[in-house]
Structure formats: C-alpha cells, structure tokens
C-alpha cells in the first residue's frame, strides 16, 4: 500500500544514515567541482 511504501522508505533511510548522507555528499561535491573546477 502507498502508506507502507512511505513507512518502508523512511525506515530504511533511518537505518542507513551513512548511505543517505553519501548521496548528498556526492551531489554537493560534484556540484561544487563543476562550479569552480577545483579538485576535491
């Protein structure tokens, strides 16, 4: 059910915080690199 999907998503992300953080770290690092060309 739709409510189950949201609960599963939230529960999985809660239990895998390092992976969730990795998504945002990769995106932010890629964006900053595109903007200024610096190596990171």
ModelCIF file with pLDDT and N, C-alpha, C, O atoms, coordinates in Angstrom:
data_MODEL
#
_entry.id   MODEL 
#
_entity.id                         1 
_entity.type                       polymer 
_entity.pdbx_number_of_molecules   1 
#
_entity_poly.entity_id                      1 
_entity_poly.type                           'polypeptide(L)' 
_entity_poly.nstd_linkage                   no 
_entity_poly.nstd_monomer                   no 
_entity_poly.pdbx_seq_one_letter_code       
;(UNK)(UNK)(UNK)(UNK)(UNK)(UNK)(UNK)(UNK)(UNK)(UNK)(UNK)(UNK)(UNK)(UNK)(UNK)(UNK)
(UNK)(UNK)(UNK)(UNK)(UNK)(UNK)(UNK)(UNK)(UNK)(UNK)(UNK)(UNK)(UNK)(UNK)(UNK)(UNK)
(UNK)(UNK)(UNK)(UNK)(UNK)(UNK)(UNK)(UNK)
;
_entity_poly.pdbx_seq_one_letter_code_can   XXXXXXXXXXXXXXXXXXXXXXXXXXXXXXXXXXXXXXXX 
_entity_poly.pdbx_strand_id                 A 
#
loop_
_entity_poly_seq.entity_id 
_entity_poly_seq.num 
_entity_poly_seq.mon_id 
_entity_poly_seq.hetero 
1 1  UNK n 
1 2  UNK n 
1 3  UNK n 
1 4  UNK n 
1 5  UNK n 
1 6  UNK n 
1 7  UNK n 
1 8  UNK n 
1 9  UNK n 
1 10 UNK n 
1 11 UNK n 
1 12 UNK n 
1 13 UNK n 
1 14 UNK n 
1 15 UNK n 
1 16 UNK n 
1 17 UNK n 
1 18 UNK n 
1 19 UNK n 
1 20 UNK n 
1 21 UNK n 
1 22 UNK n 
1 23 UNK n 
1 24 UNK n 
1 25 UNK n 
1 26 UNK n 
1 27 UNK n 
1 28 UNK n 
1 29 UNK n 
1 30 UNK n 
1 31 UNK n 
1 32 UNK n 
1 33 UNK n 
1 34 UNK n 
1 35 UNK n 
1 36 UNK n 
1 37 UNK n 
1 38 UNK n 
1 39 UNK n 
1 40 UNK n 
#
_struct_asym.id          A 
_struct_asym.entity_id   1 
#
loop_
_ma_qa_metric.id 
_ma_qa_metric.mode 
_ma_qa_metric.name 
_ma_qa_metric.software_group_id 
_ma_qa_metric.type 
1 global pLDDT . pLDDT 
2 local  pLDDT . pLDDT 
#
_ma_qa_metric_global.metric_id      1 
_ma_qa_metric_global.metric_value   96.47 
_ma_qa_metric_global.model_id       1 
_ma_qa_metric_global.ordinal_id     1 
#
loop_
_ma_qa_metric_local.label_asym_id 
_ma_qa_metric_local.label_comp_id 
_ma_qa_metric_local.label_seq_id 
_ma_qa_metric_local.metric_id 
_ma_qa_metric_local.metric_value 
_ma_qa_metric_local.model_id 
_ma_qa_metric_local.ordinal_id 
A UNK 1  2 92.00 1 1  
A UNK 2  2 92.00 1 2  
A UNK 3  2 93.00 1 3  
A UNK 4  2 94.00 1 4  
A UNK 5  2 95.00 1 5  
A UNK 6  2 95.00 1 6  
A UNK 7  2 95.00 1 7  
A UNK 8  2 95.00 1 8  
A UNK 9  2 96.00 1 9  
A UNK 10 2 96.00 1 10 
A UNK 11 2 95.00 1 11 
A UNK 12 2 95.00 1 12 
A UNK 13 2 96.00 1 13 
A UNK 14 2 95.00 1 14 
A UNK 15 2 94.00 1 15 
A UNK 16 2 96.00 1 16 
A UNK 17 2 97.00 1 17 
A UNK 18 2 98.00 1 18 
A UNK 19 2 98.00 1 19 
A UNK 20 2 98.00 1 20 
A UNK 21 2 98.00 1 21 
A UNK 22 2 98.00 1 22 
A UNK 23 2 98.00 1 23 
A UNK 24 2 98.00 1 24 
A UNK 25 2 98.00 1 25 
A UNK 26 2 98.00 1 26 
A UNK 27 2 98.00 1 27 
A UNK 28 2 98.00 1 28 
A UNK 29 2 98.00 1 29 
A UNK 30 2 98.00 1 30 
A UNK 31 2 98.00 1 31 
A UNK 32 2 98.00 1 32 
A UNK 33 2 98.00 1 33 
A UNK 34 2 98.00 1 34 
A UNK 35 2 97.00 1 35 
A UNK 36 2 96.00 1 36 
A UNK 37 2 96.00 1 37 
A UNK 38 2 97.00 1 38 
A UNK 39 2 98.00 1 39 
A UNK 40 2 98.00 1 40 
#
loop_
_atom_site.group_PDB 
_atom_site.id 
_atom_site.type_symbol 
_atom_site.label_atom_id 
_atom_site.label_alt_id 
_atom_site.label_comp_id 
_atom_site.label_asym_id 
_atom_site.label_entity_id 
_atom_site.label_seq_id 
_atom_site.pdbx_PDB_ins_code 
_atom_site.Cartn_x 
_atom_site.Cartn_y 
_atom_site.Cartn_z 
_atom_site.occupancy 
_atom_site.B_iso_or_equiv 
_atom_site.pdbx_formal_charge 
_atom_site.auth_seq_id 
_atom_site.auth_comp_id 
_atom_site.auth_asym_id 
_atom_site.auth_atom_id 
_atom_site.pdbx_PDB_model_num 
ATOM 1   N N  . UNK A 1 1  ? 0.844  -1.182 0.000   1.00 92.00 ? 1  UNK A N  1 
ATOM 2   C CA . UNK A 1 1  ? 0.000  0.000  0.000   1.00 92.00 ? 1  UNK A CA 1 
ATOM 3   C C  . UNK A 1 1  ? 0.892  1.250  0.000   1.00 92.00 ? 1  UNK A C  1 
ATOM 4   O O  . UNK A 1 1  ? 2.061  1.193  0.382   1.00 92.00 ? 1  UNK A O  1 
ATOM 5   N N  . UNK A 1 2  ? 0.317  2.374  -0.436  1.00 92.00 ? 2  UNK A N  1 
ATOM 6   C CA . UNK A 1 2  ? 1.105  3.606  -0.509  1.00 92.00 ? 2  UNK A CA 1 
ATOM 7   C C  . UNK A 1 2  ? 1.664  3.998  0.852   1.00 92.00 ? 2  UNK A C  1 
ATOM 8   O O  . UNK A 1 2  ? 2.803  4.453  0.954   1.00 92.00 ? 2  UNK A O  1 
ATOM 9   N N  . UNK A 1 3  ? 0.864  3.822  1.892   1.00 93.00 ? 3  UNK A N  1 
ATOM 10  C CA . UNK A 1 3  ? 1.353  4.165  3.230   1.00 93.00 ? 3  UNK A CA 1 
ATOM 11  C C  . UNK A 1 3  ? 2.502  3.249  3.649   1.00 93.00 ? 3  UNK A C  1 
ATOM 12  O O  . UNK A 1 3  ? 3.431  3.684  4.330   1.00 93.00 ? 3  UNK A O  1 
ATOM 13  N N  . UNK A 1 4  ? 2.438  1.994  3.245   1.00 94.00 ? 4  UNK A N  1 
ATOM 14  C CA . UNK A 1 4  ? 3.524  1.063  3.545   1.00 94.00 ? 4  UNK A CA 1 
ATOM 15  C C  . UNK A 1 4  ? 4.815  1.478  2.850   1.00 94.00 ? 4  UNK A C  1 
ATOM 16  O O  . UNK A 1 4  ? 5.896  1.394  3.435   1.00 94.00 ? 4  UNK A O  1 
ATOM 17  N N  . UNK A 1 5  ? 4.701  1.924  1.610   1.00 95.00 ? 5  UNK A N  1 
ATOM 18  C CA . UNK A 1 5  ? 5.892  2.325  0.859   1.00 95.00 ? 5  UNK A CA 1 
ATOM 19  C C  . UNK A 1 5  ? 6.621  3.468  1.559   1.00 95.00 ? 5  UNK A C  1 
ATOM 20  O O  . UNK A 1 5  ? 7.847  3.467  1.667   1.00 95.00 ? 5  UNK A O  1 
ATOM 21  N N  . UNK A 1 6  ? 5.854  4.432  2.027   1.00 95.00 ? 6  UNK A N  1 
ATOM 22  C CA . UNK A 1 6  ? 6.470  5.563  2.730   1.00 95.00 ? 6  UNK A CA 1 
ATOM 23  C C  . UNK A 1 6  ? 7.113  5.108  4.032   1.00 95.00 ? 6  UNK A C  1 
ATOM 24  O O  . UNK A 1 6  ? 8.209  5.551  4.375   1.00 95.00 ? 6  UNK A O  1 
ATOM 25  N N  . UNK A 1 7  ? 6.434  4.224  4.756   1.00 95.00 ? 7  UNK A N  1 
ATOM 26  C CA . UNK A 1 7  ? 6.994  3.722  6.020   1.00 95.00 ? 7  UNK A CA 1 
ATOM 27  C C  . UNK A 1 7  ? 8.278  2.927  5.771   1.00 95.00 ? 7  UNK A C  1 
ATOM 28  O O  . UNK A 1 7  ? 9.240  3.042  6.531   1.00 95.00 ? 7  UNK A O  1 
ATOM 29  N N  . UNK A 1 8  ? 8.289  2.125  4.711   1.00 95.00 ? 8  UNK A N  1 
ATOM 30  C CA . UNK A 1 8  ? 9.471  1.328  4.381   1.00 95.00 ? 8  UNK A CA 1 
ATOM 31  C C  . UNK A 1 8  ? 10.635 2.248  3.998   1.00 95.00 ? 8  UNK A C  1 
ATOM 32  O O  . UNK A 1 8  ? 11.764 2.062  4.450   1.00 95.00 ? 8  UNK A O  1 
ATOM 33  N N  . UNK A 1 9  ? 10.340 3.236  3.161   1.00 96.00 ? 9  UNK A N  1 
ATOM 34  C CA . UNK A 1 9  ? 11.389 4.187  2.748   1.00 96.00 ? 9  UNK A CA 1 
ATOM 35  C C  . UNK A 1 9  ? 11.979 4.909  3.950   1.00 96.00 ? 9  UNK A C  1 
ATOM 36  O O  . UNK A 1 9  ? 13.199 4.984  4.101   1.00 96.00 ? 9  UNK A O  1 
ATOM 37  N N  . UNK A 1 10 ? 11.117 5.433  4.795   1.00 96.00 ? 10 UNK A N  1 
ATOM 38  C CA . UNK A 1 10 ? 11.585 6.172  5.974   1.00 96.00 ? 10 UNK A CA 1 
ATOM 39  C C  . UNK A 1 10 ? 12.367 5.252  6.904   1.00 96.00 ? 10 UNK A C  1 
ATOM 40  O O  . UNK A 1 10 ? 13.413 5.633  7.430   1.00 96.00 ? 10 UNK A O  1 
ATOM 41  N N  . UNK A 1 11 ? 11.856 4.040  7.106   1.00 95.00 ? 11 UNK A N  1 
ATOM 42  C CA . UNK A 1 11 ? 12.536 3.099  7.995   1.00 95.00 ? 11 UNK A CA 1 
ATOM 43  C C  . UNK A 1 11 ? 13.894 2.690  7.460   1.00 95.00 ? 11 UNK A C  1 
ATOM 44  O O  . UNK A 1 11 ? 14.861 2.604  8.217   1.00 95.00 ? 11 UNK A O  1 
ATOM 45  N N  . UNK A 1 12 ? 13.976 2.434  6.145   1.00 95.00 ? 12 UNK A N  1 
ATOM 46  C CA . UNK A 1 12 ? 15.262 2.041  5.558   1.00 95.00 ? 12 UNK A CA 1 
ATOM 47  C C  . UNK A 1 12 ? 16.269 3.182  5.639   1.00 95.00 ? 12 UNK A C  1 
ATOM 48  O O  . UNK A 1 12 ? 17.433 2.962  5.974   1.00 95.00 ? 12 UNK A O  1 
ATOM 49  N N  . UNK A 1 13 ? 15.835 4.380  5.340   1.00 96.00 ? 13 UNK A N  1 
ATOM 50  C CA . UNK A 1 13 ? 16.752 5.527  5.389   1.00 96.00 ? 13 UNK A CA 1 
ATOM 51  C C  . UNK A 1 13 ? 17.201 5.816  6.814   1.00 96.00 ? 13 UNK A C  1 
ATOM 52  O O  . UNK A 1 13 ? 18.344 6.213  7.038   1.00 96.00 ? 13 UNK A O  1 
ATOM 53  N N  . UNK A 1 14 ? 16.313 5.622  7.768   1.00 95.00 ? 14 UNK A N  1 
ATOM 54  C CA . UNK A 1 14 ? 16.678 5.822  9.170   1.00 95.00 ? 14 UNK A CA 1 
ATOM 55  C C  . UNK A 1 14 ? 17.774 4.846  9.593   1.00 95.00 ? 14 UNK A C  1 
ATOM 56  O O  . UNK A 1 14 ? 18.663 5.199  10.368  1.00 95.00 ? 14 UNK A O  1 
ATOM 57  N N  . UNK A 1 15 ? 17.704 3.615  9.080   1.00 94.00 ? 15 UNK A N  1 
ATOM 58  C CA . UNK A 1 15 ? 18.666 2.584  9.454   1.00 94.00 ? 15 UNK A CA 1 
ATOM 59  C C  . UNK A 1 15 ? 19.943 2.625  8.609   1.00 94.00 ? 15 UNK A C  1 
ATOM 60  O O  . UNK A 1 15 ? 20.896 1.901  8.896   1.00 94.00 ? 15 UNK A O  1 
ATOM 61  N N  . UNK A 1 16 ? 19.967 3.469  7.569   1.00 96.00 ? 16 UNK A N  1 
ATOM 62  C CA . UNK A 1 16 ? 21.127 3.533  6.674   1.00 96.00 ? 16 UNK A CA 1 
ATOM 63  C C  . UNK A 1 16 ? 21.547 4.982  6.473   1.00 96.00 ? 16 UNK A C  1 
ATOM 64  O O  . UNK A 1 16 ? 21.633 5.473  5.347   1.00 96.00 ? 16 UNK A O  1 
ATOM 65  N N  . UNK A 1 17 ? 21.801 5.643  7.569   1.00 97.00 ? 17 UNK A N  1 
ATOM 66  C CA . UNK A 1 17 ? 22.079 7.083  7.525   1.00 97.00 ? 17 UNK A CA 1 
ATOM 67  C C  . UNK A 1 17 ? 23.357 7.407  6.759   1.00 97.00 ? 17 UNK A C  1 
ATOM 68  O O  . UNK A 1 17 ? 23.437 8.446  6.105   1.00 97.00 ? 17 UNK A O  1 
ATOM 69  N N  . UNK A 1 18 ? 24.345 6.541  6.832   1.00 98.00 ? 18 UNK A N  1 
ATOM 70  C CA . UNK A 1 18 ? 25.602 6.819  6.127   1.00 98.00 ? 18 UNK A CA 1 
ATOM 71  C C  . UNK A 1 18 ? 25.404 6.792  4.615   1.00 98.00 ? 18 UNK A C  1 
ATOM 72  O O  . UNK A 1 18 ? 25.990 7.601  3.896   1.00 98.00 ? 18 UNK A O  1 
ATOM 73  N N  . UNK A 1 19 ? 24.582 5.866  4.132   1.00 98.00 ? 19 UNK A N  1 
ATOM 74  C CA . UNK A 1 19 ? 24.288 5.820  2.697   1.00 98.00 ? 19 UNK A CA 1 
ATOM 75  C C  . UNK A 1 19 ? 23.510 7.059  2.281   1.00 98.00 ? 19 UNK A C  1 
ATOM 76  O O  . UNK A 1 19 ? 23.804 7.665  1.250   1.00 98.00 ? 19 UNK A O  1 
ATOM 77  N N  . UNK A 1 20 ? 22.522 7.435  3.078   1.00 98.00 ? 20 UNK A N  1 
ATOM 78  C CA . UNK A 1 20 ? 21.740 8.634  2.774   1.00 98.00 ? 20 UNK A CA 1 
ATOM 79  C C  . UNK A 1 20 ? 22.656 9.857  2.715   1.00 98.00 ? 20 UNK A C  1 
ATOM 80  O O  . UNK A 1 20 ? 22.554 10.669 1.795   1.00 98.00 ? 20 UNK A O  1 
ATOM 81  N N  . UNK A 1 21 ? 23.541 9.986  3.690   1.00 98.00 ? 21 UNK A N  1 
ATOM 82  C CA . UNK A 1 21 ? 24.471 11.113 3.708   1.00 98.00 ? 21 UNK A CA 1 
ATOM 83  C C  . UNK A 1 21 ? 25.392 11.084 2.492   1.00 98.00 ? 21 UNK A C  1 
ATOM 84  O O  . UNK A 1 21 ? 25.749 12.128 1.948   1.00 98.00 ? 21 UNK A O  1 
ATOM 85  N N  . UNK A 1 22 ? 25.769 9.884  2.075   1.00 98.00 ? 22 UNK A N  1 
ATOM 86  C CA . UNK A 1 22 ? 26.651 9.726  0.920   1.00 98.00 ? 22 UNK A CA 1 
ATOM 87  C C  . UNK A 1 22 ? 26.012 10.297 -0.343  1.00 98.00 ? 22 UNK A C  1 
ATOM 88  O O  . UNK A 1 22 ? 26.697 10.916 -1.158  1.00 98.00 ? 22 UNK A O  1 
ATOM 89  N N  . UNK A 1 23 ? 24.694 10.092 -0.513  1.00 98.00 ? 23 UNK A N  1 
ATOM 90  C CA . UNK A 1 23 ? 24.013 10.671 -1.686  1.00 98.00 ? 23 UNK A CA 1 
ATOM 91  C C  . UNK A 1 23 ? 24.247 12.181 -1.754  1.00 98.00 ? 23 UNK A C  1 
ATOM 92  O O  . UNK A 1 23 ? 24.616 12.728 -2.793  1.00 98.00 ? 23 UNK A O  1 
ATOM 93  N N  . UNK A 1 24 ? 24.018 12.841 -0.605  1.00 98.00 ? 24 UNK A N  1 
ATOM 94  C CA . UNK A 1 24 ? 24.093 14.303 -0.584  1.00 98.00 ? 24 UNK A CA 1 
ATOM 95  C C  . UNK A 1 24 ? 25.542 14.786 -0.662  1.00 98.00 ? 24 UNK A C  1 
ATOM 96  O O  . UNK A 1 24 ? 25.825 15.817 -1.273  1.00 98.00 ? 24 UNK A O  1 
ATOM 97  N N  . UNK A 1 25 ? 26.448 14.046 -0.050  1.00 98.00 ? 25 UNK A N  1 
ATOM 98  C CA . UNK A 1 25 ? 27.860 14.427 -0.125  1.00 98.00 ? 25 UNK A CA 1 
ATOM 99  C C  . UNK A 1 25 ? 28.371 14.337 -1.565  1.00 98.00 ? 25 UNK A C  1 
ATOM 100 O O  . UNK A 1 25 ? 29.088 15.224 -2.028  1.00 98.00 ? 25 UNK A O  1 
ATOM 101 N N  . UNK A 1 26 ? 28.000 13.265 -2.270  1.00 98.00 ? 26 UNK A N  1 
ATOM 102 C CA . UNK A 1 26 ? 28.421 13.110 -3.665  1.00 98.00 ? 26 UNK A CA 1 
ATOM 103 C C  . UNK A 1 26 ? 27.818 14.218 -4.526  1.00 98.00 ? 26 UNK A C  1 
ATOM 104 O O  . UNK A 1 26 ? 28.517 14.814 -5.346  1.00 98.00 ? 26 UNK A O  1 
ATOM 105 N N  . UNK A 1 27 ? 26.547 14.493 -4.349  1.00 98.00 ? 27 UNK A N  1 
ATOM 106 C CA . UNK A 1 27 ? 25.905 15.543 -5.151  1.00 98.00 ? 27 UNK A CA 1 
ATOM 107 C C  . UNK A 1 27 ? 26.541 16.902 -4.898  1.00 98.00 ? 27 UNK A C  1 
ATOM 108 O O  . UNK A 1 27 ? 26.841 17.632 -5.843  1.00 98.00 ? 27 UNK A O  1 
ATOM 109 N N  . UNK A 1 28 ? 26.749 17.247 -3.639  1.00 98.00 ? 28 UNK A N  1 
ATOM 110 C CA . UNK A 1 28 ? 27.319 18.553 -3.304  1.00 98.00 ? 28 UNK A CA 1 
ATOM 111 C C  . UNK A 1 28 ? 28.752 18.677 -3.806  1.00 98.00 ? 28 UNK A C  1 
ATOM 112 O O  . UNK A 1 28 ? 29.158 19.732 -4.294  1.00 98.00 ? 28 UNK A O  1 
ATOM 113 N N  . UNK A 1 29 ? 29.517 17.591 -3.683  1.00 98.00 ? 29 UNK A N  1 
ATOM 114 C CA . UNK A 1 29 ? 30.901 17.624 -4.147  1.00 98.00 ? 29 UNK A CA 1 
ATOM 115 C C  . UNK A 1 29 ? 30.964 17.761 -5.660  1.00 98.00 ? 29 UNK A C  1 
ATOM 116 O O  . UNK A 1 29 ? 31.783 18.513 -6.188  1.00 98.00 ? 29 UNK A O  1 
ATOM 117 N N  . UNK A 1 30 ? 30.103 17.038 -6.352  1.00 98.00 ? 30 UNK A N  1 
ATOM 118 C CA . UNK A 1 30 ? 30.053 17.142 -7.810  1.00 98.00 ? 30 UNK A CA 1 
ATOM 119 C C  . UNK A 1 30 ? 29.652 18.549 -8.236  1.00 98.00 ? 30 UNK A C  1 
ATOM 120 O O  . UNK A 1 30 ? 30.263 19.120 -9.139  1.00 98.00 ? 30 UNK A O  1 
ATOM 121 N N  . UNK A 1 31 ? 28.650 19.102 -7.604  1.00 98.00 ? 31 UNK A N  1 
ATOM 122 C CA . UNK A 1 31 ? 28.179 20.440 -7.962  1.00 98.00 ? 31 UNK A CA 1 
ATOM 123 C C  . UNK A 1 31 ? 29.273 21.483 -7.741  1.00 98.00 ? 31 UNK A C  1 
ATOM 124 O O  . UNK A 1 31 ? 29.535 22.313 -8.612  1.00 98.00 ? 31 UNK A O  1 
ATOM 125 N N  . UNK A 1 32 ? 29.905 21.433 -6.575  1.00 98.00 ? 32 UNK A N  1 
ATOM 126 C CA . UNK A 1 32 ? 30.959 22.407 -6.282  1.00 98.00 ? 32 UNK A CA 1 
ATOM 127 C C  . UNK A 1 32 ? 32.108 22.290 -7.278  1.00 98.00 ? 32 UNK A C  1 
ATOM 128 O O  . UNK A 1 32 ? 32.694 23.296 -7.677  1.00 98.00 ? 32 UNK A O  1 
ATOM 129 N N  . UNK A 1 33 ? 32.427 21.069 -7.675  1.00 98.00 ? 33 UNK A N  1 
ATOM 130 C CA . UNK A 1 33 ? 33.527 20.860 -8.619  1.00 98.00 ? 33 UNK A CA 1 
ATOM 131 C C  . UNK A 1 33 ? 33.187 21.409 -9.997  1.00 98.00 ? 33 UNK A C  1 
ATOM 132 O O  . UNK A 1 33 ? 34.038 22.002 -10.660 1.00 98.00 ? 33 UNK A O  1 
ATOM 133 N N  . UNK A 1 34 ? 31.946 21.215 -10.428 1.00 98.00 ? 34 UNK A N  1 
ATOM 134 C CA . UNK A 1 34 ? 31.517 21.766 -11.715 1.00 98.00 ? 34 UNK A CA 1 
ATOM 135 C C  . UNK A 1 34 ? 31.581 23.292 -11.681 1.00 98.00 ? 34 UNK A C  1 
ATOM 136 O O  . UNK A 1 34 ? 31.971 23.920 -12.666 1.00 98.00 ? 34 UNK A O  1 
ATOM 137 N N  . UNK A 1 35 ? 31.204 23.879 -10.568 1.00 97.00 ? 35 UNK A N  1 
ATOM 138 C CA . UNK A 1 35 ? 31.141 25.335 -10.477 1.00 97.00 ? 35 UNK A CA 1 
ATOM 139 C C  . UNK A 1 35 ? 32.509 25.992 -10.463 1.00 97.00 ? 35 UNK A C  1 
ATOM 140 O O  . UNK A 1 35 ? 32.698 27.041 -11.080 1.00 97.00 ? 35 UNK A O  1 
ATOM 141 N N  . UNK A 1 36 ? 33.480 25.385 -9.757  1.00 96.00 ? 36 UNK A N  1 
ATOM 142 C CA . UNK A 1 36 ? 34.780 26.080 -9.648  1.00 96.00 ? 36 UNK A CA 1 
ATOM 143 C C  . UNK A 1 36 ? 35.956 25.318 -10.253 1.00 96.00 ? 36 UNK A C  1 
ATOM 144 O O  . UNK A 1 36 ? 37.058 25.860 -10.342 1.00 96.00 ? 36 UNK A O  1 
ATOM 145 N N  . UNK A 1 37 ? 35.741 24.066 -10.671 1.00 96.00 ? 37 UNK A N  1 
ATOM 146 C CA . UNK A 1 37 ? 36.798 23.313 -11.336 1.00 96.00 ? 37 UNK A CA 1 
ATOM 147 C C  . UNK A 1 37 ? 37.889 22.799 -10.420 1.00 96.00 ? 37 UNK A C  1 
ATOM 148 O O  . UNK A 1 37 ? 38.860 22.213 -10.898 1.00 96.00 ? 37 UNK A O  1 
ATOM 149 N N  . UNK A 1 38 ? 37.760 23.000 -9.122  1.00 97.00 ? 38 UNK A N  1 
ATOM 150 C CA . UNK A 1 38 ? 38.787 22.553 -8.181  1.00 97.00 ? 38 UNK A CA 1 
ATOM 151 C C  . UNK A 1 38 ? 38.675 21.057 -7.922  1.00 97.00 ? 38 UNK A C  1 
ATOM 152 O O  . UNK A 1 38 ? 37.589 20.482 -7.992  1.00 97.00 ? 38 UNK A O  1 
ATOM 153 N N  . UNK A 1 39 ? 39.819 20.431 -7.621  1.00 98.00 ? 39 UNK A N  1 
ATOM 154 C CA . UNK A 1 39 ? 39.846 19.007 -7.294  1.00 98.00 ? 39 UNK A CA 1 
ATOM 155 C C  . UNK A 1 39 ? 39.451 18.804 -5.838  1.00 98.00 ? 39 UNK A C  1 
ATOM 156 O O  . UNK A 1 39 ? 39.899 19.529 -4.950  1.00 98.00 ? 39 UNK A O  1 
ATOM 157 N N  . UNK A 1 40 ? 38.610 17.811 -5.612  1.00 98.00 ? 40 UNK A N  1 
ATOM 158 C CA . UNK A 1 40 ? 38.146 17.512 -4.261  1.00 98.00 ? 40 UNK A CA 1 
ATOM 159 C C  . UNK A 1 40 ? 38.189 16.011 -4.022  1.00 98.00 ? 40 UNK A C  1 
ATOM 160 O O  . UNK A 1 40 ? 37.836 15.548 -2.938  1.00 98.00 ? 40 UNK A O  1 
#
